[in-house]
Amino acid sequence: MKSKQAERSEETKKQIVESAGRLFSEQGYDAVTIRAIAKDAGCSHTTIYLYFKDKEALLHQLSMPPLQALHQQFLSLSRLRTLSSEDKLKQISLTYIHFCLKNRNLYDIFFNTKSTRVDEEDPKLEINRLRIELFEIMKAIIRECLAISNEEQLLAFARIYYYNLNGILSTYSYQHEPLAVLMERLTPTFELAIEILLLGFTEKLNGGMDNES
């Protein structure tokens, strides 16, 4: 059984993370200071350093658990033998869209704050290694769909695909429609967008092969 002191410590840590998330989403990561987080959390800035080394550590504490859960969802969907490659891509994409819209105040923090290129070979931050792993799962399914072996072209297609997903998010992230209603209404459109993109990629590949011959 936890002591009252341990419970208070956990509650303080939780409040610090919640305050950090709220301020990051409202003001942007770079603009927020440890002192501002402490003020919002109702503690001293020295208290924060008892739990977190720096603001970067707070970013990890805030972002890693939900991103790890998303990563597990991606892995599970990618391994389903009952789905075609295209259906896997649709399910992973819809999962990503749902996750980001559910966390619409923080998804930019989760995916873009302190981020690196998706083809970075050895990113320093753990959060960036996880972000790249999520992208790599999408890229692997796109490879399955297109049977493409050219790594440079595959990376370009995967980036274009990711741009499309984030275009969807930027369109709907400020809407007040309930998430379940929005997903039910627009899932057919999202799936059609995926089909059209894959058709375009296939046409590009076929056109490229015709030109080479």
N, C-alpha and C. Protein backbone atom coordinates (compact mmCIF):
# COMPACT_ATOMS: atom_id res chain seq x y z
N MET A 1 0.84 -1.19 0.00
CA MET A 1 0.00 0.00 0.00
C MET A 1 0.89 1.26 0.00
N LYS A 2 0.57 2.20 -0.86
CA LYS A 2 1.38 3.41 -0.96
C LYS A 2 1.16 4.33 0.23
N SER A 3 2.26 4.96 0.64
CA SER A 3 2.16 5.94 1.72
C SER A 3 1.52 7.22 1.20
N LYS A 4 1.06 8.06 2.11
CA LYS A 4 0.48 9.33 1.71
C LYS A 4 1.50 10.20 0.99
N GLN A 5 2.76 10.12 1.42
CA GLN A 5 3.81 10.90 0.78
C GLN A 5 4.02 10.45 -0.67
N ALA A 6 3.99 9.13 -0.90
CA ALA A 6 4.15 8.59 -2.26
C ALA A 6 2.97 9.01 -3.13
N GLU A 7 1.77 8.98 -2.56
CA GLU A 7 0.59 9.39 -3.31
C GLU A 7 0.65 10.87 -3.68
N ARG A 8 1.10 11.70 -2.73
CA ARG A 8 1.25 13.14 -3.01
C ARG A 8 2.30 13.37 -4.09
N SER A 9 3.37 12.61 -4.02
CA SER A 9 4.44 12.73 -5.01
C SER A 9 3.93 12.38 -6.41
N GLU A 10 3.17 11.31 -6.52
CA GLU A 10 2.61 10.90 -7.81
C GLU A 10 1.63 11.94 -8.34
N GLU A 11 0.82 12.50 -7.43
CA GLU A 11 -0.15 13.51 -7.84
C GLU A 11 0.55 14.78 -8.32
N THR A 12 1.63 15.15 -7.64
CA THR A 12 2.40 16.33 -8.06
C THR A 12 3.01 16.10 -9.44
N LYS A 13 3.58 14.94 -9.65
CA LYS A 13 4.18 14.61 -10.94
C LYS A 13 3.14 14.62 -12.05
N LYS A 14 1.97 14.04 -11.75
CA LYS A 14 0.87 14.03 -12.73
C LYS A 14 0.43 15.45 -13.07
N GLN A 15 0.33 16.30 -12.07
CA GLN A 15 -0.10 17.69 -12.29
C GLN A 15 0.92 18.45 -13.12
N ILE A 16 2.19 18.19 -12.89
CA ILE A 16 3.25 18.84 -13.67
C ILE A 16 3.14 18.46 -15.14
N VAL A 17 2.93 17.17 -15.41
CA VAL A 17 2.82 16.69 -16.80
C VAL A 17 1.58 17.29 -17.46
N GLU A 18 0.47 17.32 -16.73
CA GLU A 18 -0.76 17.90 -17.29
C GLU A 18 -0.58 19.38 -17.60
N SER A 19 0.07 20.10 -16.71
CA SER A 19 0.32 21.53 -16.94
C SER A 19 1.23 21.72 -18.14
N ALA A 20 2.26 20.90 -18.24
CA ALA A 20 3.17 20.99 -19.39
C ALA A 20 2.41 20.76 -20.69
N GLY A 21 1.57 19.74 -20.73
CA GLY A 21 0.80 19.46 -21.93
C GLY A 21 -0.12 20.59 -22.31
N ARG A 22 -0.79 21.16 -21.33
CA ARG A 22 -1.70 22.27 -21.59
C ARG A 22 -0.95 23.48 -22.13
N LEU A 23 0.16 23.82 -21.50
CA LEU A 23 0.92 24.99 -21.94
C LEU A 23 1.61 24.76 -23.27
N PHE A 24 2.13 23.56 -23.49
CA PHE A 24 2.74 23.24 -24.79
C PHE A 24 1.72 23.41 -25.91
N SER A 25 0.50 22.92 -25.67
CA SER A 25 -0.53 22.97 -26.72
C SER A 25 -1.00 24.40 -26.96
N GLU A 26 -1.03 25.22 -25.92
CA GLU A 26 -1.53 26.60 -26.05
C GLU A 26 -0.47 27.56 -26.59
N GLN A 27 0.78 27.40 -26.17
CA GLN A 27 1.81 28.38 -26.48
C GLN A 27 2.93 27.86 -27.38
N GLY A 28 3.00 26.54 -27.52
CA GLY A 28 4.10 25.95 -28.27
C GLY A 28 5.23 25.57 -27.33
N TYR A 29 5.88 24.46 -27.63
CA TYR A 29 6.92 23.91 -26.76
C TYR A 29 8.02 24.91 -26.47
N ASP A 30 8.53 25.57 -27.50
CA ASP A 30 9.69 26.45 -27.33
C ASP A 30 9.39 27.66 -26.46
N ALA A 31 8.14 28.12 -26.47
CA ALA A 31 7.79 29.34 -25.74
C ALA A 31 7.57 29.09 -24.24
N VAL A 32 7.39 27.85 -23.86
CA VAL A 32 7.04 27.54 -22.47
C VAL A 32 8.30 27.31 -21.65
N THR A 33 8.35 27.90 -20.47
CA THR A 33 9.48 27.73 -19.56
C THR A 33 9.11 26.80 -18.41
N ILE A 34 10.14 26.27 -17.76
CA ILE A 34 9.92 25.44 -16.58
C ILE A 34 9.20 26.24 -15.49
N ARG A 35 9.56 27.50 -15.35
CA ARG A 35 8.90 28.34 -14.34
C ARG A 35 7.41 28.51 -14.64
N ALA A 36 7.07 28.64 -15.92
CA ALA A 36 5.66 28.78 -16.30
C ALA A 36 4.90 27.49 -15.98
N ILE A 37 5.54 26.36 -16.24
CA ILE A 37 4.90 25.07 -15.93
C ILE A 37 4.69 24.94 -14.43
N ALA A 38 5.70 25.33 -13.66
CA ALA A 38 5.60 25.25 -12.20
C ALA A 38 4.46 26.12 -11.68
N LYS A 39 4.35 27.32 -12.22
CA LYS A 39 3.28 28.23 -11.79
C LYS A 39 1.92 27.63 -12.07
N ASP A 40 1.76 27.06 -13.27
CA ASP A 40 0.48 26.45 -13.65
C ASP A 40 0.17 25.23 -12.79
N ALA A 41 1.23 24.49 -12.43
CA ALA A 41 1.04 23.26 -11.65
C ALA A 41 0.91 23.54 -10.15
N GLY A 42 1.18 24.79 -9.75
CA GLY A 42 1.06 25.14 -8.34
C GLY A 42 2.21 24.63 -7.49
N CYS A 43 3.41 24.60 -8.08
CA CYS A 43 4.57 24.16 -7.32
C CYS A 43 5.76 25.06 -7.69
N SER A 44 6.88 24.88 -7.04
CA SER A 44 8.07 25.66 -7.37
C SER A 44 8.82 25.00 -8.54
N HIS A 45 9.63 25.80 -9.24
CA HIS A 45 10.37 25.22 -10.37
C HIS A 45 11.39 24.20 -9.88
N THR A 46 11.87 24.34 -8.64
CA THR A 46 12.80 23.35 -8.10
C THR A 46 12.11 22.01 -7.87
N THR A 47 10.83 22.05 -7.58
CA THR A 47 10.07 20.81 -7.42
C THR A 47 10.05 20.01 -8.72
N ILE A 48 9.89 20.70 -9.84
CA ILE A 48 9.86 20.02 -11.14
C ILE A 48 11.16 19.25 -11.36
N TYR A 49 12.28 19.85 -10.96
CA TYR A 49 13.58 19.20 -11.18
C TYR A 49 13.78 17.98 -10.28
N LEU A 50 12.92 17.80 -9.29
CA LEU A 50 12.96 16.57 -8.50
C LEU A 50 12.47 15.38 -9.33
N TYR A 51 11.62 15.66 -10.31
CA TYR A 51 11.00 14.60 -11.11
C TYR A 51 11.52 14.54 -12.54
N PHE A 52 11.91 15.70 -13.09
CA PHE A 52 12.29 15.75 -14.50
C PHE A 52 13.59 16.53 -14.66
N LYS A 53 14.49 15.98 -15.44
CA LYS A 53 15.79 16.60 -15.65
C LYS A 53 15.67 17.96 -16.30
N ASP A 54 14.77 18.05 -17.31
CA ASP A 54 14.62 19.29 -18.06
C ASP A 54 13.29 19.24 -18.82
N LYS A 55 13.05 20.23 -19.63
CA LYS A 55 11.80 20.31 -20.39
C LYS A 55 11.69 19.17 -21.39
N GLU A 56 12.82 18.74 -21.92
CA GLU A 56 12.83 17.62 -22.86
C GLU A 56 12.33 16.34 -22.20
N ALA A 57 12.72 16.14 -20.95
CA ALA A 57 12.24 14.97 -20.20
C ALA A 57 10.73 15.03 -20.00
N LEU A 58 10.21 16.24 -19.80
CA LEU A 58 8.76 16.42 -19.70
C LEU A 58 8.07 16.07 -21.01
N LEU A 59 8.68 16.49 -22.13
CA LEU A 59 8.13 16.15 -23.44
C LEU A 59 8.03 14.64 -23.60
N HIS A 60 9.06 13.92 -23.19
CA HIS A 60 9.05 12.47 -23.31
C HIS A 60 7.99 11.84 -22.41
N GLN A 61 7.90 12.32 -21.18
CA GLN A 61 6.90 11.77 -20.26
C GLN A 61 5.49 11.98 -20.79
N LEU A 62 5.26 13.11 -21.41
CA LEU A 62 3.95 13.44 -21.96
C LEU A 62 3.63 12.62 -23.20
N SER A 63 4.62 12.43 -24.07
CA SER A 63 4.38 11.90 -25.41
C SER A 63 4.59 10.40 -25.57
N MET A 64 5.54 9.84 -24.85
CA MET A 64 5.91 8.45 -25.11
C MET A 64 4.79 7.43 -24.83
N PRO A 65 4.09 7.50 -23.70
CA PRO A 65 3.05 6.48 -23.47
C PRO A 65 1.99 6.41 -24.57
N PRO A 66 1.39 7.55 -25.00
CA PRO A 66 0.40 7.43 -26.08
C PRO A 66 1.02 6.98 -27.41
N LEU A 67 2.24 7.42 -27.71
CA LEU A 67 2.88 7.00 -28.95
C LEU A 67 3.24 5.51 -28.91
N GLN A 68 3.63 5.02 -27.76
CA GLN A 68 3.92 3.59 -27.64
C GLN A 68 2.66 2.76 -27.83
N ALA A 69 1.54 3.24 -27.30
CA ALA A 69 0.26 2.54 -27.49
C ALA A 69 -0.12 2.54 -28.97
N LEU A 70 0.08 3.66 -29.65
CA LEU A 70 -0.20 3.74 -31.09
C LEU A 70 0.72 2.79 -31.86
N HIS A 71 1.96 2.72 -31.46
CA HIS A 71 2.91 1.82 -32.12
C HIS A 71 2.45 0.37 -32.01
N GLN A 72 1.96 -0.02 -30.85
CA GLN A 72 1.45 -1.39 -30.69
C GLN A 72 0.24 -1.65 -31.58
N GLN A 73 -0.61 -0.65 -31.72
CA GLN A 73 -1.76 -0.80 -32.62
C GLN A 73 -1.28 -0.98 -34.07
N PHE A 74 -0.31 -0.18 -34.47
CA PHE A 74 0.24 -0.30 -35.83
C PHE A 74 0.82 -1.69 -36.05
N LEU A 75 1.60 -2.17 -35.09
CA LEU A 75 2.22 -3.49 -35.24
C LEU A 75 1.16 -4.58 -35.36
N SER A 76 0.15 -4.50 -34.51
CA SER A 76 -0.92 -5.52 -34.54
C SER A 76 -1.62 -5.54 -35.89
N LEU A 77 -1.94 -4.36 -36.41
CA LEU A 77 -2.63 -4.28 -37.70
C LEU A 77 -1.73 -4.74 -38.84
N SER A 78 -0.45 -4.42 -38.77
CA SER A 78 0.47 -4.78 -39.86
C SER A 78 0.69 -6.28 -39.94
N ARG A 79 0.43 -6.99 -38.85
CA ARG A 79 0.67 -8.44 -38.80
C ARG A 79 -0.58 -9.27 -39.07
N LEU A 80 -1.70 -8.62 -39.30
CA LEU A 80 -2.94 -9.34 -39.55
C LEU A 80 -2.91 -10.03 -40.92
N ARG A 81 -2.96 -11.31 -40.92
CA ARG A 81 -2.92 -12.06 -42.19
C ARG A 81 -4.28 -12.10 -42.87
N THR A 82 -5.31 -11.71 -42.13
CA THR A 82 -6.66 -11.73 -42.71
C THR A 82 -6.94 -10.49 -43.56
N LEU A 83 -6.05 -9.49 -43.53
CA LEU A 83 -6.24 -8.27 -44.29
C LEU A 83 -5.30 -8.21 -45.48
N SER A 84 -5.80 -7.66 -46.58
CA SER A 84 -4.91 -7.40 -47.71
C SER A 84 -3.99 -6.24 -47.35
N SER A 85 -2.95 -6.05 -48.14
CA SER A 85 -2.01 -4.96 -47.88
C SER A 85 -2.72 -3.61 -47.93
N GLU A 86 -3.64 -3.45 -48.89
CA GLU A 86 -4.36 -2.18 -49.00
C GLU A 86 -5.26 -1.96 -47.79
N ASP A 87 -5.91 -3.02 -47.31
CA ASP A 87 -6.77 -2.88 -46.13
C ASP A 87 -5.95 -2.59 -44.87
N LYS A 88 -4.76 -3.20 -44.80
CA LYS A 88 -3.87 -2.87 -43.67
C LYS A 88 -3.53 -1.38 -43.67
N LEU A 89 -3.21 -0.86 -44.85
CA LEU A 89 -2.85 0.55 -44.96
C LEU A 89 -4.03 1.44 -44.57
N LYS A 90 -5.23 1.03 -45.00
CA LYS A 90 -6.41 1.80 -44.64
C LYS A 90 -6.63 1.80 -43.13
N GLN A 91 -6.50 0.62 -42.52
CA GLN A 91 -6.74 0.53 -41.08
C GLN A 91 -5.70 1.29 -40.27
N ILE A 92 -4.44 1.18 -40.68
CA ILE A 92 -3.38 1.92 -39.99
C ILE A 92 -3.59 3.42 -40.15
N SER A 93 -3.97 3.84 -41.34
CA SER A 93 -4.18 5.26 -41.60
C SER A 93 -5.36 5.80 -40.80
N LEU A 94 -6.44 5.05 -40.76
CA LEU A 94 -7.61 5.48 -39.98
C LEU A 94 -7.29 5.51 -38.48
N THR A 95 -6.47 4.56 -38.05
CA THR A 95 -6.04 4.54 -36.65
C THR A 95 -5.23 5.79 -36.32
N TYR A 96 -4.34 6.15 -37.25
CA TYR A 96 -3.52 7.35 -37.07
C TYR A 96 -4.39 8.61 -37.04
N ILE A 97 -5.31 8.71 -37.98
CA ILE A 97 -6.20 9.87 -38.02
C ILE A 97 -7.02 9.97 -36.74
N HIS A 98 -7.57 8.85 -36.31
CA HIS A 98 -8.39 8.83 -35.09
C HIS A 98 -7.55 9.25 -33.90
N PHE A 99 -6.35 8.71 -33.78
CA PHE A 99 -5.46 9.04 -32.67
C PHE A 99 -5.17 10.54 -32.63
N CYS A 100 -4.83 11.11 -33.78
CA CYS A 100 -4.46 12.51 -33.82
C CYS A 100 -5.64 13.43 -33.56
N LEU A 101 -6.81 13.08 -34.08
CA LEU A 101 -7.99 13.91 -33.83
C LEU A 101 -8.47 13.77 -32.38
N LYS A 102 -8.30 12.60 -31.81
CA LYS A 102 -8.63 12.41 -30.39
C LYS A 102 -7.71 13.27 -29.52
N ASN A 103 -6.46 13.41 -29.96
CA ASN A 103 -5.47 14.21 -29.23
C ASN A 103 -5.17 15.50 -30.00
N ARG A 104 -6.22 16.12 -30.53
CA ARG A 104 -6.02 17.24 -31.46
C ARG A 104 -5.26 18.41 -30.87
N ASN A 105 -5.29 18.57 -29.55
CA ASN A 105 -4.54 19.67 -28.93
C ASN A 105 -3.06 19.36 -28.79
N LEU A 106 -2.71 18.06 -28.90
CA LEU A 106 -1.34 17.66 -28.61
C LEU A 106 -0.65 16.91 -29.75
N TYR A 107 -1.38 16.57 -30.81
CA TYR A 107 -0.74 15.71 -31.80
C TYR A 107 0.46 16.37 -32.47
N ASP A 108 0.43 17.70 -32.57
CA ASP A 108 1.59 18.39 -33.14
C ASP A 108 2.78 18.27 -32.20
N ILE A 109 2.53 18.31 -30.90
CA ILE A 109 3.59 18.09 -29.91
C ILE A 109 4.10 16.66 -30.00
N PHE A 110 3.18 15.70 -30.09
CA PHE A 110 3.57 14.29 -30.15
C PHE A 110 4.47 13.98 -31.34
N PHE A 111 4.16 14.58 -32.49
CA PHE A 111 4.85 14.17 -33.72
C PHE A 111 5.90 15.15 -34.24
N ASN A 112 5.80 16.40 -33.88
CA ASN A 112 6.67 17.39 -34.54
C ASN A 112 7.67 18.09 -33.63
N THR A 113 7.38 18.18 -32.35
CA THR A 113 8.29 18.89 -31.45
C THR A 113 9.62 18.15 -31.33
N LYS A 114 10.72 18.85 -31.56
CA LYS A 114 12.08 18.29 -31.50
C LYS A 114 12.28 17.15 -32.49
N SER A 115 11.51 17.16 -33.57
CA SER A 115 11.55 16.04 -34.52
C SER A 115 12.77 16.13 -35.44
N THR A 116 13.09 14.99 -36.06
CA THR A 116 14.16 14.91 -37.05
C THR A 116 13.57 14.41 -38.37
N ARG A 117 14.40 14.29 -39.37
CA ARG A 117 13.96 13.72 -40.65
C ARG A 117 13.55 12.26 -40.46
N VAL A 118 12.61 11.81 -41.27
CA VAL A 118 12.14 10.43 -41.13
C VAL A 118 13.17 9.42 -41.60
N ASP A 119 14.19 9.87 -42.34
CA ASP A 119 15.24 8.95 -42.78
C ASP A 119 16.52 9.12 -41.95
N GLU A 120 16.40 9.77 -40.80
CA GLU A 120 17.53 9.88 -39.90
C GLU A 120 17.93 8.48 -39.42
N GLU A 121 19.18 8.12 -39.57
CA GLU A 121 19.60 6.75 -39.27
C GLU A 121 19.73 6.47 -37.77
N ASP A 122 20.19 7.43 -37.01
CA ASP A 122 20.40 7.19 -35.58
C ASP A 122 20.01 8.42 -34.76
N PRO A 123 18.71 8.68 -34.67
CA PRO A 123 18.28 9.87 -33.93
C PRO A 123 18.65 9.78 -32.46
N LYS A 124 18.99 10.92 -31.89
CA LYS A 124 19.44 10.96 -30.51
C LYS A 124 18.31 10.70 -29.53
N LEU A 125 17.15 11.30 -29.78
CA LEU A 125 16.05 11.23 -28.83
C LEU A 125 15.22 9.96 -29.02
N GLU A 126 14.82 9.37 -27.92
CA GLU A 126 13.99 8.16 -27.96
C GLU A 126 12.67 8.43 -28.67
N ILE A 127 12.10 9.61 -28.44
CA ILE A 127 10.82 9.92 -29.07
C ILE A 127 10.94 9.94 -30.59
N ASN A 128 12.08 10.39 -31.10
CA ASN A 128 12.26 10.41 -32.56
C ASN A 128 12.47 9.01 -33.11
N ARG A 129 13.10 8.14 -32.34
CA ARG A 129 13.23 6.74 -32.78
C ARG A 129 11.85 6.11 -32.90
N LEU A 130 10.97 6.43 -31.96
CA LEU A 130 9.61 5.88 -32.00
C LEU A 130 8.81 6.47 -33.15
N ARG A 131 8.94 7.77 -33.36
CA ARG A 131 8.24 8.41 -34.49
C ARG A 131 8.66 7.77 -35.81
N ILE A 132 9.95 7.52 -35.96
CA ILE A 132 10.45 6.93 -37.20
C ILE A 132 9.94 5.50 -37.35
N GLU A 133 9.85 4.76 -36.24
CA GLU A 133 9.31 3.40 -36.31
C GLU A 133 7.86 3.41 -36.79
N LEU A 134 7.08 4.37 -36.34
CA LEU A 134 5.70 4.49 -36.82
C LEU A 134 5.66 4.75 -38.32
N PHE A 135 6.51 5.65 -38.77
CA PHE A 135 6.60 5.95 -40.20
C PHE A 135 7.06 4.73 -40.98
N GLU A 136 8.01 3.98 -40.43
CA GLU A 136 8.54 2.80 -41.12
C GLU A 136 7.48 1.72 -41.30
N ILE A 137 6.57 1.61 -40.34
CA ILE A 137 5.48 0.63 -40.50
C ILE A 137 4.59 1.03 -41.67
N MET A 138 4.24 2.32 -41.74
CA MET A 138 3.46 2.79 -42.90
C MET A 138 4.21 2.53 -44.20
N LYS A 139 5.49 2.84 -44.19
CA LYS A 139 6.29 2.68 -45.40
C LYS A 139 6.35 1.21 -45.83
N ALA A 140 6.47 0.31 -44.86
CA ALA A 140 6.53 -1.12 -45.17
C ALA A 140 5.23 -1.61 -45.81
N ILE A 141 4.09 -1.10 -45.33
CA ILE A 141 2.81 -1.51 -45.92
C ILE A 141 2.65 -0.93 -47.32
N ILE A 142 3.12 0.29 -47.52
CA ILE A 142 3.10 0.87 -48.87
C ILE A 142 3.96 0.02 -49.81
N ARG A 143 5.10 -0.46 -49.31
CA ARG A 143 5.94 -1.36 -50.12
C ARG A 143 5.15 -2.61 -50.52
N GLU A 144 4.41 -3.17 -49.55
CA GLU A 144 3.60 -4.36 -49.84
C GLU A 144 2.56 -4.06 -50.91
N CYS A 145 1.90 -2.92 -50.79
CA CYS A 145 0.83 -2.57 -51.73
C CYS A 145 1.36 -2.40 -53.15
N LEU A 146 2.55 -1.84 -53.27
CA LEU A 146 3.06 -1.46 -54.59
C LEU A 146 4.11 -2.43 -55.13
N ALA A 147 4.55 -3.37 -54.27
CA ALA A 147 5.63 -4.29 -54.67
C ALA A 147 6.82 -3.51 -55.24
N ILE A 148 7.24 -2.50 -54.50
CA ILE A 148 8.28 -1.60 -54.97
C ILE A 148 9.59 -1.92 -54.26
N SER A 149 10.68 -1.95 -55.01
CA SER A 149 11.98 -2.27 -54.44
C SER A 149 12.93 -1.07 -54.40
N ASN A 150 12.62 -0.04 -55.17
CA ASN A 150 13.48 1.15 -55.21
C ASN A 150 13.29 1.95 -53.91
N GLU A 151 14.31 1.95 -53.05
CA GLU A 151 14.20 2.55 -51.73
C GLU A 151 13.97 4.06 -51.80
N GLU A 152 14.63 4.71 -52.73
CA GLU A 152 14.48 6.17 -52.84
C GLU A 152 13.06 6.53 -53.26
N GLN A 153 12.52 5.78 -54.21
CA GLN A 153 11.16 6.06 -54.66
C GLN A 153 10.14 5.70 -53.58
N LEU A 154 10.40 4.61 -52.87
CA LEU A 154 9.51 4.20 -51.78
C LEU A 154 9.46 5.28 -50.70
N LEU A 155 10.61 5.84 -50.33
CA LEU A 155 10.65 6.90 -49.33
C LEU A 155 9.86 8.12 -49.81
N ALA A 156 10.01 8.46 -51.08
CA ALA A 156 9.27 9.60 -51.63
C ALA A 156 7.77 9.36 -51.57
N PHE A 157 7.33 8.16 -51.97
CA PHE A 157 5.90 7.83 -51.92
C PHE A 157 5.39 7.86 -50.47
N ALA A 158 6.19 7.31 -49.54
CA ALA A 158 5.77 7.28 -48.14
C ALA A 158 5.64 8.70 -47.58
N ARG A 159 6.55 9.57 -47.96
CA ARG A 159 6.45 10.96 -47.52
C ARG A 159 5.19 11.62 -48.08
N ILE A 160 4.92 11.41 -49.37
CA ILE A 160 3.73 11.97 -49.99
C ILE A 160 2.48 11.45 -49.27
N TYR A 161 2.49 10.17 -48.95
CA TYR A 161 1.36 9.57 -48.26
C TYR A 161 1.16 10.22 -46.89
N TYR A 162 2.26 10.43 -46.18
CA TYR A 162 2.20 11.04 -44.86
C TYR A 162 1.72 12.48 -44.95
N TYR A 163 2.15 13.19 -46.00
CA TYR A 163 1.66 14.56 -46.21
C TYR A 163 0.14 14.55 -46.36
N ASN A 164 -0.39 13.57 -47.07
CA ASN A 164 -1.83 13.48 -47.29
C ASN A 164 -2.57 13.28 -45.96
N LEU A 165 -2.05 12.38 -45.13
CA LEU A 165 -2.68 12.16 -43.83
C LEU A 165 -2.71 13.43 -42.99
N ASN A 166 -1.61 14.16 -43.01
CA ASN A 166 -1.55 15.38 -42.21
C ASN A 166 -2.37 16.51 -42.82
N GLY A 167 -2.60 16.44 -44.12
CA GLY A 167 -3.54 17.37 -44.74
C GLY A 167 -4.95 17.14 -44.22
N ILE A 168 -5.31 15.88 -44.07
CA ILE A 168 -6.62 15.54 -43.49
C ILE A 168 -6.72 16.09 -42.07
N LEU A 169 -5.65 15.90 -41.30
CA LEU A 169 -5.67 16.35 -39.90
C LEU A 169 -5.79 17.87 -39.80
N SER A 170 -5.06 18.57 -40.65
CA SER A 170 -5.12 20.04 -40.60
C SER A 170 -6.51 20.55 -40.99
N THR A 171 -7.21 19.78 -41.82
CA THR A 171 -8.56 20.16 -42.24
C THR A 171 -9.57 20.01 -41.11
N TYR A 172 -9.42 18.95 -40.31
CA TYR A 172 -10.46 18.61 -39.34
C TYR A 172 -10.05 18.79 -37.88
N SER A 173 -8.85 19.21 -37.60
CA SER A 173 -8.40 19.28 -36.21
C SER A 173 -9.08 20.39 -35.42
N TYR A 174 -9.69 21.37 -36.10
CA TYR A 174 -10.32 22.48 -35.38
C TYR A 174 -11.84 22.39 -35.39
N GLN A 175 -12.37 21.28 -35.90
CA GLN A 175 -13.82 21.13 -35.92
C GLN A 175 -14.31 20.65 -34.57
N HIS A 176 -15.52 21.05 -34.21
CA HIS A 176 -16.08 20.68 -32.91
C HIS A 176 -17.06 19.50 -33.03
N GLU A 177 -17.17 18.94 -34.19
CA GLU A 177 -18.01 17.76 -34.37
C GLU A 177 -17.44 16.61 -33.54
N PRO A 178 -18.29 15.85 -32.83
CA PRO A 178 -17.79 14.72 -32.04
C PRO A 178 -16.95 13.78 -32.91
N LEU A 179 -15.89 13.26 -32.33
CA LEU A 179 -14.95 12.44 -33.11
C LEU A 179 -15.63 11.23 -33.73
N ALA A 180 -16.46 10.54 -32.97
CA ALA A 180 -17.12 9.35 -33.48
C ALA A 180 -18.00 9.68 -34.68
N VAL A 181 -18.70 10.80 -34.61
CA VAL A 181 -19.57 11.24 -35.71
C VAL A 181 -18.73 11.60 -36.93
N LEU A 182 -17.66 12.34 -36.69
CA LEU A 182 -16.79 12.76 -37.79
C LEU A 182 -16.18 11.55 -38.50
N MET A 183 -15.69 10.58 -37.72
CA MET A 183 -15.07 9.39 -38.32
C MET A 183 -16.08 8.57 -39.10
N GLU A 184 -17.28 8.45 -38.56
CA GLU A 184 -18.31 7.69 -39.27
C GLU A 184 -18.69 8.37 -40.58
N ARG A 185 -18.78 9.70 -40.54
CA ARG A 185 -19.18 10.46 -41.72
C ARG A 185 -18.11 10.46 -42.80
N LEU A 186 -16.85 10.54 -42.39
CA LEU A 186 -15.78 10.78 -43.36
C LEU A 186 -14.88 9.58 -43.66
N THR A 187 -15.05 8.48 -42.95
CA THR A 187 -14.20 7.31 -43.22
C THR A 187 -14.27 6.88 -44.68
N PRO A 188 -15.45 6.84 -45.32
CA PRO A 188 -15.46 6.48 -46.75
C PRO A 188 -14.61 7.42 -47.60
N THR A 189 -14.63 8.72 -47.28
CA THR A 189 -13.81 9.69 -48.02
C THR A 189 -12.33 9.45 -47.76
N PHE A 190 -11.97 9.18 -46.50
CA PHE A 190 -10.57 8.91 -46.17
C PHE A 190 -10.09 7.66 -46.92
N GLU A 191 -10.92 6.63 -46.93
CA GLU A 191 -10.53 5.39 -47.62
C GLU A 191 -10.39 5.62 -49.12
N LEU A 192 -11.28 6.43 -49.69
CA LEU A 192 -11.20 6.75 -51.12
C LEU A 192 -9.90 7.51 -51.41
N ALA A 193 -9.53 8.41 -50.53
CA ALA A 193 -8.27 9.15 -50.72
C ALA A 193 -7.08 8.21 -50.76
N ILE A 194 -7.10 7.19 -49.89
CA ILE A 194 -6.02 6.19 -49.86
C ILE A 194 -5.98 5.42 -51.17
N GLU A 195 -7.16 4.99 -51.64
CA GLU A 195 -7.23 4.25 -52.91
C GLU A 195 -6.70 5.07 -54.07
N ILE A 196 -7.06 6.33 -54.10
CA ILE A 196 -6.63 7.20 -55.20
C ILE A 196 -5.12 7.43 -55.15
N LEU A 197 -4.59 7.62 -53.96
CA LEU A 197 -3.14 7.79 -53.84
C LEU A 197 -2.40 6.55 -54.33
N LEU A 198 -2.87 5.38 -53.92
CA LEU A 198 -2.23 4.14 -54.35
C LEU A 198 -2.33 3.97 -55.87
N LEU A 199 -3.48 4.33 -56.43
CA LEU A 199 -3.62 4.27 -57.90
C LEU A 199 -2.62 5.22 -58.57
N GLY A 200 -2.48 6.40 -58.01
CA GLY A 200 -1.53 7.36 -58.56
C GLY A 200 -0.11 6.85 -58.47
N PHE A 201 0.25 6.25 -57.34
CA PHE A 201 1.60 5.69 -57.19
C PHE A 201 1.82 4.57 -58.21
N THR A 202 0.80 3.72 -58.37
CA THR A 202 0.92 2.61 -59.32
C THR A 202 1.08 3.13 -60.74
N GLU A 203 0.31 4.15 -61.07
CA GLU A 203 0.41 4.74 -62.41
C GLU A 203 1.80 5.33 -62.63
N LYS A 204 2.33 5.97 -61.61
CA LYS A 204 3.67 6.53 -61.70
C LYS A 204 4.71 5.44 -61.91
N LEU A 205 4.57 4.35 -61.18
CA LEU A 205 5.50 3.24 -61.34
C LEU A 205 5.39 2.63 -62.73
N ASN A 206 4.17 2.43 -63.21
CA ASN A 206 3.97 1.87 -64.54
C ASN A 206 4.50 2.80 -65.63
N GLY A 207 4.26 4.08 -65.46
CA GLY A 207 4.75 5.05 -66.40
C GLY A 207 6.26 5.09 -66.44
N GLY A 208 6.86 4.96 -65.22
CA GLY A 208 8.31 4.95 -65.15
C GLY A 208 8.90 3.75 -65.84
N MET A 209 8.24 2.58 -65.68
CA MET A 209 8.75 1.38 -66.33
C MET A 209 8.59 1.46 -67.84
N ASP A 210 7.48 2.06 -68.29
CA ASP A 210 7.27 2.21 -69.74
C ASP A 210 8.32 3.13 -70.34
N ASN A 211 8.65 4.20 -69.61
CA ASN A 211 9.65 5.13 -70.13
C ASN A 211 11.01 4.50 -70.22
N GLU A 212 11.34 3.63 -69.23
CA GLU A 212 12.63 2.98 -69.24
C GLU A 212 12.77 1.97 -70.36
N SER A 213 11.63 1.35 -70.72
CA SER A 213 11.67 0.35 -71.79
C SER A 213 11.66 1.04 -73.16
